[in-house]
Amino acid sequence: MPFDEVMGKFKRGSLHSGSSSGPKVRDRQQAIAIMMSEKRAAAGGKTEYQSRKHPKSRRGTRPRGFETLG
C-alpha cells in the first residue's frame, strides 16, 4: 500500500493490525511499520522508506587507554 493510502486509513480509523478483525492501529509509527512491512513483502527486499545505516567512520580514533607520552 502506498503511504497516502495507509495514512488515510489510519486517520479514518479503519487500519487494523494483522487482519481486518485485528485491533485498530492507534499509533502513527505502527501505521508506518505496517506500510513498510507490506511493501517489503511485495518487493522482496528493502523499501524506499527504510533508513540507511552507515557505519561510523573510525578514522582518527585511538584505542581506549592509549596515551602519548610527551
C-alpha atoms as a PDB file:
ATOM      1  CA  MET A   1       0.000   0.000   0.000  1.00  0.00           C
ATOM      2  CA  PRO A   2       1.285   3.498  -0.758  1.00  0.00           C
ATOM      3  CA  PHE A   3       1.978   5.933   2.057  1.00  0.00           C
ATOM      4  CA  ASP A   4      -1.099   8.079   1.315  1.00  0.00           C
ATOM      5  CA  GLU A   5      -3.432   5.091   1.360  1.00  0.00           C
ATOM      6  CA  VAL A   6      -2.107   3.739   4.662  1.00  0.00           C
ATOM      7  CA  MET A   7      -2.175   7.120   6.374  1.00  0.00           C
ATOM      8  CA  GLY A   8      -5.688   7.781   5.040  1.00  0.00           C
ATOM      9  CA  LYS A   9      -6.931   4.527   6.552  1.00  0.00           C
ATOM     10  CA  PHE A  10      -5.090   5.363   9.775  1.00  0.00           C
ATOM     11  CA  LYS A  11      -6.722   8.801  10.017  1.00  0.00           C
ATOM     12  CA  ARG A  12     -10.193   7.377   9.307  1.00  0.00           C
ATOM     13  CA  GLY A  13      -9.637   4.691  11.939  1.00  0.00           C
ATOM     14  CA  SER A  14     -10.052   1.785   9.536  1.00  0.00           C
ATOM     15  CA  LEU A  15      -6.452   0.491   9.622  1.00  0.00           C
ATOM     16  CA  HIS A  16      -6.110  -2.768  11.546  1.00  0.00           C
ATOM     17  CA  SER A  17      -3.017  -4.608  12.668  1.00  0.00           C
ATOM     18  CA  GLY A  18      -2.785  -8.134  11.347  1.00  0.00           C
ATOM     19  CA  SER A  19      -6.123  -8.830   9.660  1.00  0.00           C
ATOM     20  CA  SER A  20      -9.317  -6.808   9.376  1.00  0.00           C
ATOM     21  CA  SER A  21     -10.528  -8.413  12.587  1.00  0.00           C
ATOM     22  CA  GLY A  22      -7.397  -7.364  14.493  1.00  0.00           C
ATOM     23  CA  PRO A  23      -7.229  -4.349  16.788  1.00  0.00           C
ATOM     24  CA  LYS A  24      -7.318  -0.868  15.276  1.00  0.00           C
ATOM     25  CA  VAL A  25      -3.988   0.877  14.850  1.00  0.00           C
ATOM     26  CA  ARG A  26      -3.756   3.878  17.178  1.00  0.00           C
ATOM     27  CA  ASP A  27      -0.079   4.799  16.724  1.00  0.00           C
ATOM     28  CA  ARG A  28       1.338   6.604  13.672  1.00  0.00           C
ATOM     29  CA  GLN A  29       4.623   4.721  13.926  1.00  0.00           C
ATOM     30  CA  GLN A  30       2.782   1.405  13.836  1.00  0.00           C
ATOM     31  CA  ALA A  31       0.908   2.516  10.701  1.00  0.00           C
ATOM     32  CA  ILE A  32       4.227   3.312   9.001  1.00  0.00           C
ATOM     33  CA  ALA A  33       5.629  -0.048  10.126  1.00  0.00           C
ATOM     34  CA  ILE A  34       2.647  -1.863   8.597  1.00  0.00           C
ATOM     35  CA  MET A  35       3.144   0.021   5.322  1.00  0.00           C
ATOM     36  CA  MET A  36       6.861  -0.834   5.221  1.00  0.00           C
ATOM     37  CA  SER A  37       6.144  -4.475   6.009  1.00  0.00           C
ATOM     38  CA  GLU A  38       3.615  -4.752   3.171  1.00  0.00           C
ATOM     39  CA  LYS A  39       5.942  -3.016   0.706  1.00  0.00           C
ATOM     40  CA  ARG A  40       8.837  -5.269   1.774  1.00  0.00           C
ATOM     41  CA  ALA A  41       6.731  -8.398   1.283  1.00  0.00           C
ATOM     42  CA  ALA A  42       5.617  -7.234  -2.173  1.00  0.00           C
ATOM     43  CA  ALA A  43       9.101  -6.162  -3.309  1.00  0.00           C
ATOM     44  CA  GLY A  44      11.012  -8.963  -1.633  1.00  0.00           C
ATOM     45  CA  GLY A  45      13.659  -6.625  -0.216  1.00  0.00           C
ATOM     46  CA  LYS A  46      14.315  -3.153   1.134  1.00  0.00           C
ATOM     47  CA  THR A  47      11.817  -0.331   0.727  1.00  0.00           C
ATOM     48  CA  GLU A  48      12.457   3.296  -0.099  1.00  0.00           C
ATOM     49  CA  TYR A  49      11.245   4.269   3.391  1.00  0.00           C
ATOM     50  CA  GLN A  50      13.842   2.272   5.282  1.00  0.00           C
ATOM     51  CA  SER A  51      16.545   4.362   6.839  1.00  0.00           C
ATOM     52  CA  ARG A  52      20.082   3.719   5.717  1.00  0.00           C
ATOM     53  CA  LYS A  53      22.554   2.959   8.429  1.00  0.00           C
ATOM     54  CA  HIS A  54      26.116   3.833   7.558  1.00  0.00           C
ATOM     55  CA  PRO A  55      28.952   2.501   9.665  1.00  0.00           C
ATOM     56  CA  LYS A  56      30.620   5.185  11.711  1.00  0.00           C
ATOM     57  CA  SER A  57      33.992   6.284  10.497  1.00  0.00           C
ATOM     58  CA  ARG A  58      36.822   5.075  12.674  1.00  0.00           C
ATOM     59  CA  ARG A  59      39.414   7.414  11.171  1.00  0.00           C
ATOM     60  CA  GLY A  60      41.386   9.334  13.763  1.00  0.00           C
ATOM     61  CA  THR A  61      40.338   7.294  16.769  1.00  0.00           C
ATOM     62  CA  ARG A  62      42.683   5.664  19.195  1.00  0.00           C
ATOM     63  CA  PRO A  63      42.218   2.569  21.302  1.00  0.00           C
ATOM     64  CA  ARG A  64      40.937   3.258  24.792  1.00  0.00           C
ATOM     65  CA  GLY A  65      43.675   3.788  27.345  1.00  0.00           C
ATOM     66  CA  PHE A  66      46.263   4.810  24.754  1.00  0.00           C
ATOM     67  CA  GLU A  67      48.039   7.999  25.735  1.00  0.00           C
ATOM     68  CA  THR A  68      51.051   9.605  24.182  1.00  0.00           C
ATOM     69  CA  LEU A  69      53.926  10.477  26.449  1.00  0.00           C
ATOM     70  CA  GLY A  70      55.474  13.745  25.656  1.00  0.00           C
END
